[in-house]
N, C-alpha and C. Protein backbone atom coordinates (compact mmCIF):
# COMPACT_ATOMS: atom_id res chain seq x y z
N UNK A 1 -19.29 8.35 146.61
CA UNK A 1 -19.60 8.14 145.20
C UNK A 1 -18.29 7.79 144.49
N UNK A 2 -18.30 6.68 143.77
CA UNK A 2 -17.13 6.19 143.06
C UNK A 2 -17.19 6.67 141.60
N UNK A 3 -16.05 7.19 141.12
CA UNK A 3 -16.00 7.69 139.74
C UNK A 3 -15.45 6.61 138.83
N UNK A 4 -16.00 6.55 137.66
CA UNK A 4 -15.58 5.58 136.67
C UNK A 4 -14.29 6.07 136.00
N UNK A 5 -13.29 5.19 135.84
CA UNK A 5 -12.05 5.59 135.15
C UNK A 5 -12.33 6.06 133.72
N UNK A 6 -13.31 5.48 133.08
CA UNK A 6 -13.66 5.89 131.72
C UNK A 6 -14.16 7.33 131.71
N UNK A 7 -14.96 7.71 132.71
CA UNK A 7 -15.47 9.08 132.79
C UNK A 7 -14.32 10.07 132.98
N UNK A 8 -13.34 9.73 133.81
CA UNK A 8 -12.17 10.60 134.02
C UNK A 8 -11.36 10.76 132.73
N UNK A 9 -11.22 9.69 131.99
CA UNK A 9 -10.49 9.76 130.72
C UNK A 9 -11.22 10.66 129.73
N UNK A 10 -12.54 10.53 129.67
CA UNK A 10 -13.34 11.36 128.77
C UNK A 10 -13.22 12.83 129.16
N UNK A 11 -13.31 13.13 130.45
CA UNK A 11 -13.19 14.51 130.92
C UNK A 11 -11.80 15.07 130.59
N UNK A 12 -10.76 14.29 130.83
CA UNK A 12 -9.39 14.73 130.53
C UNK A 12 -9.22 14.99 129.03
N UNK A 13 -9.81 14.13 128.21
CA UNK A 13 -9.73 14.30 126.76
C UNK A 13 -10.44 15.58 126.32
N UNK A 14 -11.62 15.84 126.86
CA UNK A 14 -12.40 17.04 126.51
C UNK A 14 -11.64 18.29 126.93
N UNK A 15 -11.06 18.29 128.12
CA UNK A 15 -10.29 19.45 128.59
C UNK A 15 -9.08 19.67 127.68
N UNK A 16 -8.36 18.62 127.34
CA UNK A 16 -7.20 18.75 126.46
C UNK A 16 -7.61 19.28 125.09
N UNK A 17 -8.72 18.79 124.57
CA UNK A 17 -9.22 19.25 123.27
C UNK A 17 -9.59 20.74 123.33
N UNK A 18 -10.24 21.15 124.42
CA UNK A 18 -10.60 22.57 124.58
C UNK A 18 -9.36 23.45 124.65
N UNK A 19 -8.34 23.02 125.37
CA UNK A 19 -7.10 23.80 125.46
C UNK A 19 -6.42 23.91 124.09
N UNK A 20 -6.39 22.79 123.37
CA UNK A 20 -5.77 22.79 122.05
C UNK A 20 -6.50 23.75 121.10
N UNK A 21 -7.82 23.64 121.03
CA UNK A 21 -8.61 24.49 120.14
C UNK A 21 -8.50 25.96 120.57
N UNK A 22 -8.58 26.21 121.86
CA UNK A 22 -8.47 27.58 122.37
C UNK A 22 -7.13 28.20 122.03
N UNK A 23 -6.05 27.46 122.18
CA UNK A 23 -4.72 27.97 121.87
C UNK A 23 -4.62 28.34 120.40
N UNK A 24 -5.09 27.46 119.53
CA UNK A 24 -4.95 27.71 118.09
C UNK A 24 -5.88 28.80 117.59
N UNK A 25 -7.00 29.00 118.24
CA UNK A 25 -7.89 30.10 117.84
C UNK A 25 -7.46 31.43 118.43
N UNK A 26 -6.71 31.42 119.51
CA UNK A 26 -6.25 32.66 120.13
C UNK A 26 -5.07 33.26 119.39
N UNK A 27 -4.36 32.44 118.63
CA UNK A 27 -3.22 32.95 117.86
C UNK A 27 -3.71 33.85 116.76
N UNK A 28 -2.94 34.91 116.41
CA UNK A 28 -3.35 35.78 115.31
C UNK A 28 -3.50 34.98 114.03
N UNK A 29 -4.59 35.17 113.33
CA UNK A 29 -4.82 34.42 112.10
C UNK A 29 -4.02 35.03 110.96
N UNK A 30 -3.65 34.21 110.03
CA UNK A 30 -2.96 34.68 108.84
C UNK A 30 -1.46 34.82 109.01
N UNK A 31 -0.92 34.55 110.20
CA UNK A 31 0.51 34.67 110.39
C UNK A 31 1.16 33.31 110.16
N UNK A 32 2.05 33.28 109.22
CA UNK A 32 2.79 32.06 108.99
C UNK A 32 3.98 32.05 109.94
N UNK A 33 4.36 30.87 110.35
CA UNK A 33 5.53 30.77 111.21
C UNK A 33 6.75 31.05 110.34
N UNK A 34 7.59 31.97 110.83
CA UNK A 34 8.77 32.37 110.06
C UNK A 34 9.75 31.21 110.00
N UNK A 35 10.44 31.11 108.88
CA UNK A 35 11.47 30.07 108.80
C UNK A 35 12.56 30.37 109.83
N UNK A 36 13.20 29.34 110.29
CA UNK A 36 14.26 29.51 111.27
C UNK A 36 15.40 30.27 110.62
N UNK A 37 15.78 31.37 111.24
CA UNK A 37 16.87 32.17 110.71
C UNK A 37 18.20 31.57 111.17
N UNK A 38 19.12 31.48 110.25
CA UNK A 38 20.44 30.96 110.58
C UNK A 38 21.47 31.97 110.12
N UNK A 39 22.70 31.74 110.54
CA UNK A 39 23.75 32.61 110.02
C UNK A 39 23.79 32.40 108.52
N UNK A 40 24.01 33.43 107.82
CA UNK A 40 24.01 33.53 106.35
C UNK A 40 22.62 33.72 105.77
N UNK A 41 21.55 33.65 106.59
CA UNK A 41 20.22 34.00 106.10
C UNK A 41 20.17 35.51 105.88
N UNK A 42 19.46 35.93 104.86
CA UNK A 42 19.24 37.35 104.65
C UNK A 42 18.31 37.83 105.76
N UNK A 43 18.70 38.90 106.44
CA UNK A 43 17.87 39.44 107.53
C UNK A 43 16.57 39.97 106.93
N UNK A 44 15.44 39.61 107.50
CA UNK A 44 14.16 40.11 106.98
C UNK A 44 14.09 41.64 107.05
N UNK A 45 13.68 42.24 105.96
CA UNK A 45 13.55 43.70 105.93
C UNK A 45 12.28 44.10 106.68
N UNK A 46 12.27 45.29 107.18
CA UNK A 46 11.10 45.82 107.87
C UNK A 46 11.09 47.33 107.73
N UNK A 47 9.98 47.91 108.07
CA UNK A 47 9.81 49.36 108.08
C UNK A 47 9.08 49.70 109.38
N UNK A 48 9.78 50.42 110.29
CA UNK A 48 9.20 50.76 111.58
C UNK A 48 9.42 52.24 111.88
N UNK A 49 8.58 52.77 112.75
CA UNK A 49 8.67 54.17 113.16
C UNK A 49 9.65 54.31 114.31
N UNK A 50 10.48 55.35 114.25
CA UNK A 50 11.38 55.67 115.35
C UNK A 50 10.62 56.48 116.39
N UNK A 51 11.25 56.69 117.54
CA UNK A 51 10.64 57.51 118.58
C UNK A 51 10.41 58.94 118.11
N UNK A 52 11.21 59.37 117.12
CA UNK A 52 11.09 60.72 116.57
C UNK A 52 10.04 60.80 115.46
N UNK A 53 9.40 59.67 115.12
CA UNK A 53 8.36 59.66 114.11
C UNK A 53 8.86 59.42 112.69
N UNK A 54 10.14 59.12 112.53
CA UNK A 54 10.69 58.84 111.21
C UNK A 54 10.58 57.35 110.92
N UNK A 55 10.45 57.01 109.65
CA UNK A 55 10.39 55.61 109.25
C UNK A 55 11.80 55.13 108.92
N UNK A 56 12.15 53.98 109.48
CA UNK A 56 13.46 53.38 109.19
C UNK A 56 13.23 52.00 108.62
N UNK A 57 13.88 51.74 107.51
CA UNK A 57 13.87 50.41 106.90
C UNK A 57 15.24 49.78 107.13
N UNK A 58 15.25 48.51 107.45
CA UNK A 58 16.53 47.83 107.63
C UNK A 58 17.36 47.92 106.35
N UNK A 59 16.72 47.81 105.21
CA UNK A 59 17.45 47.85 103.93
C UNK A 59 18.13 49.21 103.70
N UNK A 60 17.68 50.26 104.39
CA UNK A 60 18.34 51.57 104.29
C UNK A 60 19.74 51.53 104.87
N UNK A 61 20.02 50.54 105.70
CA UNK A 61 21.32 50.45 106.38
C UNK A 61 22.28 49.50 105.66
N UNK A 62 21.88 48.98 104.49
CA UNK A 62 22.74 48.07 103.74
C UNK A 62 24.09 48.75 103.50
N UNK A 63 25.16 48.02 103.70
CA UNK A 63 26.50 48.57 103.59
C UNK A 63 27.11 48.85 104.96
N UNK A 64 26.25 48.88 105.98
CA UNK A 64 26.71 49.02 107.36
C UNK A 64 26.54 47.68 108.07
N UNK A 65 27.33 47.48 109.11
CA UNK A 65 27.09 46.36 110.01
C UNK A 65 26.02 46.82 111.00
N UNK A 66 25.04 45.97 111.26
CA UNK A 66 23.92 46.36 112.11
C UNK A 66 23.82 45.40 113.29
N UNK A 67 23.71 45.98 114.48
CA UNK A 67 23.37 45.22 115.67
C UNK A 67 21.89 45.53 115.93
N UNK A 68 21.03 44.54 115.73
CA UNK A 68 19.59 44.71 115.86
C UNK A 68 19.16 44.07 117.17
N UNK A 69 18.71 44.89 118.12
CA UNK A 69 18.41 44.43 119.46
C UNK A 69 16.92 44.57 119.77
N UNK A 70 16.27 43.43 120.03
CA UNK A 70 14.88 43.41 120.48
C UNK A 70 14.90 43.49 122.00
N UNK A 71 14.17 44.43 122.58
CA UNK A 71 14.23 44.68 124.02
C UNK A 71 12.89 45.23 124.51
N UNK A 72 12.79 45.44 125.82
CA UNK A 72 11.58 46.05 126.41
C UNK A 72 11.99 46.82 127.67
N UNK A 73 11.19 47.80 128.03
CA UNK A 73 11.49 48.63 129.19
C UNK A 73 11.45 47.83 130.49
N UNK A 74 10.66 46.77 130.55
CA UNK A 74 10.54 45.96 131.77
C UNK A 74 11.61 44.88 131.88
N UNK A 75 12.44 44.74 130.87
CA UNK A 75 13.43 43.66 130.79
C UNK A 75 14.71 44.02 131.56
N UNK A 76 14.95 43.33 132.67
CA UNK A 76 16.13 43.59 133.49
C UNK A 76 17.45 43.42 132.73
N UNK A 77 17.66 42.29 132.04
CA UNK A 77 18.91 42.11 131.29
C UNK A 77 19.10 43.18 130.20
N UNK A 78 17.99 43.69 129.64
CA UNK A 78 18.09 44.75 128.62
C UNK A 78 18.71 46.01 129.23
N UNK A 79 18.34 46.29 130.48
CA UNK A 79 18.88 47.47 131.16
C UNK A 79 20.37 47.33 131.41
N UNK A 80 20.85 46.11 131.56
CA UNK A 80 22.28 45.88 131.78
C UNK A 80 23.06 46.11 130.49
N UNK A 81 22.54 45.62 129.36
CA UNK A 81 23.31 45.70 128.12
C UNK A 81 23.20 47.03 127.38
N UNK A 82 22.17 47.82 127.66
CA UNK A 82 22.00 49.09 126.93
C UNK A 82 23.20 50.03 127.09
N UNK A 83 23.77 50.20 128.28
CA UNK A 83 24.97 51.05 128.38
C UNK A 83 26.14 50.50 127.56
N UNK A 84 26.23 49.18 127.43
CA UNK A 84 27.27 48.60 126.57
C UNK A 84 27.03 49.00 125.12
N UNK A 85 25.77 48.98 124.69
CA UNK A 85 25.45 49.36 123.31
C UNK A 85 25.83 50.82 123.06
N UNK A 86 25.59 51.68 124.04
CA UNK A 86 25.97 53.10 123.90
C UNK A 86 27.48 53.19 123.67
N UNK A 87 28.26 52.49 124.49
CA UNK A 87 29.72 52.50 124.35
C UNK A 87 30.15 51.91 123.01
N UNK A 88 29.55 50.79 122.63
CA UNK A 88 29.93 50.13 121.38
C UNK A 88 29.56 50.96 120.16
N UNK A 89 28.43 51.67 120.22
CA UNK A 89 28.05 52.57 119.12
C UNK A 89 29.10 53.67 118.97
N UNK A 90 29.52 54.24 120.09
CA UNK A 90 30.57 55.28 120.05
C UNK A 90 31.88 54.72 119.51
N UNK A 91 32.22 53.53 119.93
CA UNK A 91 33.51 52.94 119.57
C UNK A 91 33.59 52.50 118.11
N UNK A 92 32.49 51.96 117.57
CA UNK A 92 32.55 51.34 116.23
C UNK A 92 31.76 52.08 115.14
N UNK A 93 31.12 53.18 115.45
CA UNK A 93 30.33 53.89 114.44
C UNK A 93 31.20 54.31 113.25
N UNK A 94 32.38 54.81 113.50
CA UNK A 94 33.26 55.27 112.42
C UNK A 94 33.68 54.13 111.50
N UNK A 95 33.61 52.89 112.00
CA UNK A 95 33.96 51.73 111.18
C UNK A 95 32.75 51.18 110.43
N UNK A 96 31.57 51.76 110.65
CA UNK A 96 30.39 51.35 109.90
C UNK A 96 29.35 50.60 110.70
N UNK A 97 29.40 50.65 112.03
CA UNK A 97 28.39 49.97 112.85
C UNK A 97 27.20 50.88 113.08
N UNK A 98 26.01 50.31 112.99
CA UNK A 98 24.80 51.01 113.39
C UNK A 98 24.00 50.09 114.30
N UNK A 99 23.83 50.50 115.55
CA UNK A 99 22.99 49.76 116.48
C UNK A 99 21.57 50.28 116.32
N UNK A 100 20.60 49.36 116.34
CA UNK A 100 19.19 49.71 116.24
C UNK A 100 18.45 48.92 117.31
N UNK A 101 17.69 49.61 118.14
CA UNK A 101 16.88 48.95 119.15
C UNK A 101 15.43 48.89 118.71
N UNK A 102 14.80 47.74 118.93
CA UNK A 102 13.37 47.59 118.64
C UNK A 102 12.65 47.31 119.95
N UNK A 103 11.86 48.27 120.40
CA UNK A 103 11.12 48.15 121.66
C UNK A 103 9.91 47.24 121.45
N UNK A 104 9.91 46.12 122.14
CA UNK A 104 8.85 45.12 121.99
C UNK A 104 7.99 45.07 123.25
N UNK A 105 7.51 46.23 123.69
CA UNK A 105 6.65 46.19 124.86
C UNK A 105 5.45 47.08 124.69
N UNK A 106 4.54 47.00 125.63
CA UNK A 106 3.28 47.72 125.51
C UNK A 106 3.32 49.12 126.11
N UNK A 107 4.49 49.56 126.52
CA UNK A 107 4.61 50.91 127.08
C UNK A 107 4.29 51.94 125.99
N UNK A 108 3.90 53.12 126.42
CA UNK A 108 3.60 54.19 125.46
C UNK A 108 4.89 54.69 124.82
N UNK A 109 4.75 55.31 123.69
CA UNK A 109 5.90 55.89 122.99
C UNK A 109 6.63 56.88 123.90
N UNK A 110 5.88 57.64 124.69
CA UNK A 110 6.47 58.62 125.60
C UNK A 110 7.28 57.92 126.69
N UNK A 111 6.75 56.82 127.24
CA UNK A 111 7.46 56.07 128.28
C UNK A 111 8.74 55.44 127.73
N UNK A 112 8.65 54.91 126.52
CA UNK A 112 9.84 54.31 125.89
C UNK A 112 10.88 55.40 125.64
N UNK A 113 10.42 56.55 125.17
CA UNK A 113 11.33 57.67 124.90
C UNK A 113 12.03 58.14 126.18
N UNK A 114 11.27 58.27 127.25
CA UNK A 114 11.85 58.68 128.54
C UNK A 114 12.87 57.66 129.02
N UNK A 115 12.52 56.38 128.89
CA UNK A 115 13.42 55.30 129.30
C UNK A 115 14.73 55.37 128.51
N UNK A 116 14.62 55.52 127.18
CA UNK A 116 15.81 55.59 126.33
C UNK A 116 16.67 56.80 126.69
N UNK A 117 16.03 57.93 126.95
CA UNK A 117 16.76 59.15 127.33
C UNK A 117 17.48 58.94 128.66
N UNK A 118 16.79 58.35 129.63
CA UNK A 118 17.39 58.08 130.94
C UNK A 118 18.58 57.12 130.83
N UNK A 119 18.54 56.21 129.85
CA UNK A 119 19.63 55.25 129.64
C UNK A 119 20.76 55.84 128.79
N UNK A 120 20.56 57.06 128.26
CA UNK A 120 21.59 57.70 127.45
C UNK A 120 21.76 57.09 126.07
N UNK A 121 20.70 56.50 125.54
CA UNK A 121 20.76 55.80 124.25
C UNK A 121 21.15 56.78 123.13
N UNK A 122 22.13 56.38 122.33
CA UNK A 122 22.65 57.20 121.24
C UNK A 122 22.44 56.53 119.88
N UNK A 123 21.48 55.66 119.79
CA UNK A 123 21.17 54.95 118.54
C UNK A 123 19.66 54.94 118.37
N UNK A 124 19.17 54.68 117.16
CA UNK A 124 17.72 54.72 116.92
C UNK A 124 16.97 53.65 117.71
N UNK A 125 15.86 54.06 118.29
CA UNK A 125 14.93 53.13 118.93
C UNK A 125 13.66 53.15 118.09
N UNK A 126 13.23 51.96 117.69
CA UNK A 126 12.04 51.82 116.86
C UNK A 126 10.93 51.17 117.68
N UNK A 127 9.70 51.50 117.35
CA UNK A 127 8.54 50.90 118.00
C UNK A 127 8.24 49.58 117.30
N UNK A 128 8.42 48.49 118.02
CA UNK A 128 8.28 47.16 117.44
C UNK A 128 6.84 46.77 117.15
N UNK A 129 6.71 45.82 116.26
CA UNK A 129 5.42 45.23 115.91
C UNK A 129 5.58 43.72 115.97
N UNK A 130 4.52 43.05 116.36
CA UNK A 130 4.57 41.59 116.48
C UNK A 130 4.97 40.93 115.15
N UNK A 131 4.51 41.49 114.04
CA UNK A 131 4.82 40.91 112.72
C UNK A 131 6.33 40.91 112.47
N UNK A 132 7.02 41.97 112.89
CA UNK A 132 8.47 42.03 112.71
C UNK A 132 9.13 40.99 113.61
N UNK A 133 8.68 40.89 114.85
CA UNK A 133 9.20 39.87 115.74
C UNK A 133 9.02 38.47 115.17
N UNK A 134 7.86 38.23 114.56
CA UNK A 134 7.60 36.92 113.95
C UNK A 134 8.56 36.64 112.80
N UNK A 135 8.89 37.67 112.03
CA UNK A 135 9.84 37.50 110.92
C UNK A 135 11.22 37.07 111.43
N UNK A 136 11.52 37.45 112.66
CA UNK A 136 12.81 37.12 113.26
C UNK A 136 12.69 35.90 114.18
N UNK A 137 11.74 35.05 113.90
CA UNK A 137 11.62 33.79 114.63
C UNK A 137 10.73 33.86 115.86
N UNK A 138 9.98 34.93 116.01
CA UNK A 138 9.05 35.03 117.12
C UNK A 138 9.60 35.70 118.36
N UNK A 139 10.89 35.98 118.41
CA UNK A 139 11.55 36.62 119.54
C UNK A 139 11.05 35.97 120.84
N UNK A 140 11.50 34.74 121.11
CA UNK A 140 10.98 33.98 122.25
C UNK A 140 11.37 34.54 123.62
N UNK A 141 12.42 35.33 123.70
CA UNK A 141 12.86 35.89 124.97
C UNK A 141 13.56 37.21 124.69
N UNK A 142 13.59 38.05 125.70
CA UNK A 142 14.28 39.34 125.57
C UNK A 142 15.41 39.39 126.59
N UNK A 143 16.50 40.01 126.24
CA UNK A 143 16.82 40.59 124.94
C UNK A 143 17.18 39.51 123.92
N UNK A 144 16.99 39.86 122.66
CA UNK A 144 17.45 39.02 121.55
C UNK A 144 18.13 39.94 120.56
N UNK A 145 19.34 39.57 120.18
CA UNK A 145 20.16 40.44 119.34
C UNK A 145 20.62 39.70 118.10
N UNK A 146 20.49 40.37 116.96
CA UNK A 146 20.97 39.84 115.69
C UNK A 146 22.08 40.74 115.20
N UNK A 147 23.19 40.14 114.75
CA UNK A 147 24.27 40.88 114.12
C UNK A 147 24.16 40.64 112.64
N UNK A 148 24.06 41.73 111.89
CA UNK A 148 23.82 41.66 110.45
C UNK A 148 25.01 42.27 109.75
N UNK A 149 25.56 41.54 108.79
CA UNK A 149 26.73 42.01 108.05
C UNK A 149 26.37 43.10 107.07
N UNK A 150 27.39 43.69 106.49
CA UNK A 150 27.21 44.78 105.52
C UNK A 150 26.41 44.33 104.30
N UNK A 151 26.41 43.02 104.06
CA UNK A 151 25.68 42.45 102.92
C UNK A 151 24.21 42.14 103.25
N UNK A 152 23.78 42.42 104.47
CA UNK A 152 22.40 42.19 104.86
C UNK A 152 22.13 40.80 105.39
N UNK A 153 23.17 39.98 105.54
CA UNK A 153 23.00 38.62 106.04
C UNK A 153 23.32 38.54 107.53
N UNK A 154 22.60 37.66 108.21
CA UNK A 154 22.82 37.47 109.64
C UNK A 154 24.15 36.75 109.85
N UNK A 155 24.99 37.31 110.70
CA UNK A 155 26.27 36.68 111.01
C UNK A 155 26.28 36.07 112.40
N UNK A 156 25.38 36.52 113.28
CA UNK A 156 25.32 35.96 114.62
C UNK A 156 23.97 36.31 115.26
N UNK A 157 23.58 35.49 116.22
CA UNK A 157 22.34 35.71 116.97
C UNK A 157 22.66 35.44 118.43
N UNK A 158 22.28 36.36 119.29
CA UNK A 158 22.53 36.20 120.73
C UNK A 158 21.19 36.28 121.44
N UNK A 159 20.84 35.20 122.11
CA UNK A 159 19.59 35.14 122.85
C UNK A 159 19.91 35.34 124.33
N UNK A 160 19.27 36.32 124.94
CA UNK A 160 19.51 36.60 126.34
C UNK A 160 20.72 37.50 126.54
N UNK A 161 21.10 37.64 127.79
CA UNK A 161 22.21 38.51 128.17
C UNK A 161 23.51 37.73 128.08
N UNK A 162 24.44 38.28 127.36
CA UNK A 162 25.80 37.72 127.28
C UNK A 162 26.75 38.83 127.69
N UNK A 163 28.01 38.53 127.76
CA UNK A 163 29.00 39.52 128.15
C UNK A 163 29.28 40.53 127.05
N UNK A 164 29.81 41.67 127.46
CA UNK A 164 30.15 42.72 126.50
C UNK A 164 31.20 42.23 125.50
N UNK A 165 32.14 41.42 125.96
CA UNK A 165 33.19 40.91 125.06
C UNK A 165 32.59 40.05 123.95
N UNK A 166 31.57 39.25 124.27
CA UNK A 166 30.92 38.42 123.24
C UNK A 166 30.20 39.30 122.22
N UNK A 167 29.55 40.37 122.70
CA UNK A 167 28.91 41.32 121.79
C UNK A 167 29.94 41.96 120.88
N UNK A 168 31.05 42.35 121.45
CA UNK A 168 32.10 43.01 120.67
C UNK A 168 32.68 42.06 119.62
N UNK A 169 32.87 40.79 119.97
CA UNK A 169 33.35 39.81 118.99
C UNK A 169 32.37 39.66 117.84
N UNK A 170 31.07 39.63 118.16
CA UNK A 170 30.04 39.52 117.12
C UNK A 170 30.01 40.77 116.24
N UNK A 171 30.21 41.93 116.83
CA UNK A 171 30.26 43.18 116.06
C UNK A 171 31.43 43.14 115.08
N UNK A 172 32.57 42.66 115.53
CA UNK A 172 33.74 42.57 114.66
C UNK A 172 33.48 41.63 113.49
N UNK A 173 32.76 40.52 113.74
CA UNK A 173 32.40 39.60 112.64
C UNK A 173 31.52 40.33 111.62
N UNK A 174 30.55 41.09 112.11
CA UNK A 174 29.64 41.81 111.21
C UNK A 174 30.39 42.89 110.43
N UNK A 175 31.32 43.57 111.08
CA UNK A 175 32.10 44.62 110.40
C UNK A 175 33.04 44.03 109.35
N UNK A 176 33.47 42.79 109.53
CA UNK A 176 34.40 42.15 108.59
C UNK A 176 33.73 41.67 107.31
N UNK A 177 32.41 41.74 107.22
CA UNK A 177 31.73 41.32 106.00
C UNK A 177 31.83 42.41 104.94
N UNK A 178 31.65 42.03 103.72
CA UNK A 178 31.69 42.99 102.62
C UNK A 178 30.26 43.31 102.19
N UNK A 179 30.06 44.53 101.78
CA UNK A 179 28.75 44.93 101.28
C UNK A 179 28.47 44.16 99.99
N UNK A 180 27.23 43.81 99.78
CA UNK A 180 26.83 43.10 98.56
C UNK A 180 27.03 44.02 97.37
N UNK A 181 27.53 43.45 96.30
CA UNK A 181 27.69 44.24 95.08
C UNK A 181 26.51 43.97 94.18
N UNK A 182 26.23 44.89 93.31
CA UNK A 182 25.12 44.68 92.38
C UNK A 182 25.46 43.56 91.42
N UNK A 183 24.46 42.91 90.90
CA UNK A 183 24.66 41.78 89.98
C UNK A 183 25.45 42.22 88.76
N UNK A 184 25.18 43.41 88.26
CA UNK A 184 25.87 43.88 87.06
C UNK A 184 27.35 44.05 87.31
N UNK A 185 27.72 44.62 88.45
CA UNK A 185 29.14 44.84 88.71
C UNK A 185 29.83 43.56 89.13
N UNK A 186 29.06 42.56 89.56
CA UNK A 186 29.66 41.31 89.99
C UNK A 186 29.96 40.39 88.80
N UNK A 187 29.28 40.60 87.67
CA UNK A 187 29.51 39.76 86.50
C UNK A 187 30.79 40.19 85.80
N UNK A 188 31.57 39.24 85.33
CA UNK A 188 32.78 39.61 84.59
C UNK A 188 32.38 40.29 83.28
N UNK A 189 33.22 41.19 82.86
CA UNK A 189 32.94 41.91 81.59
C UNK A 189 33.10 40.92 80.45
N UNK A 190 32.20 40.98 79.49
CA UNK A 190 32.26 40.08 78.34
C UNK A 190 32.99 40.79 77.21
N UNK A 191 33.83 40.05 76.56
CA UNK A 191 34.58 40.63 75.43
C UNK A 191 33.64 40.81 74.25
N UNK A 192 33.77 41.92 73.59
CA UNK A 192 32.91 42.16 72.42
C UNK A 192 33.57 41.55 71.19
N UNK A 193 32.76 41.07 70.27
CA UNK A 193 33.28 40.45 69.04
C UNK A 193 33.42 41.45 67.97
């Protein structure tokens, strides 16, 4: 039996159309694609629960340099860099660094907590939500790390595993930023008449 080239084209078109429609309907509705974050962009604020059940907002850390690390328990490169984060938190905390981990996996809170304890984590671990990941550009791969200056602006973004020295250089950039001043204190004083 000989097949018509036109029939094959029609079948290929129908399959492609079904894949396209299926992909777009499977995506969560109502989520806008986040704008591409660049250095000097204000880091999107969020409110997430820690492993201890406390709520942490990124804006609560304004005035500190923040290393924000998206990771997962199944992520091999994440396991390599976590001991570096422990060391860097110890080394730079007194200068104003706060490392924050956001667990982006489906493991239970108990499993994430056990994993963090086994790794000796000395910084807050938050339970991630897809909406927060989307605000940070969708977090296309893990680990993904954002360095946020004292003013709340992104100073660097590291996708994947990089060396400890590169992380340390990015931390120093974040620590060198100045905290944002309030609008009132930033305006020059006006002379009274």
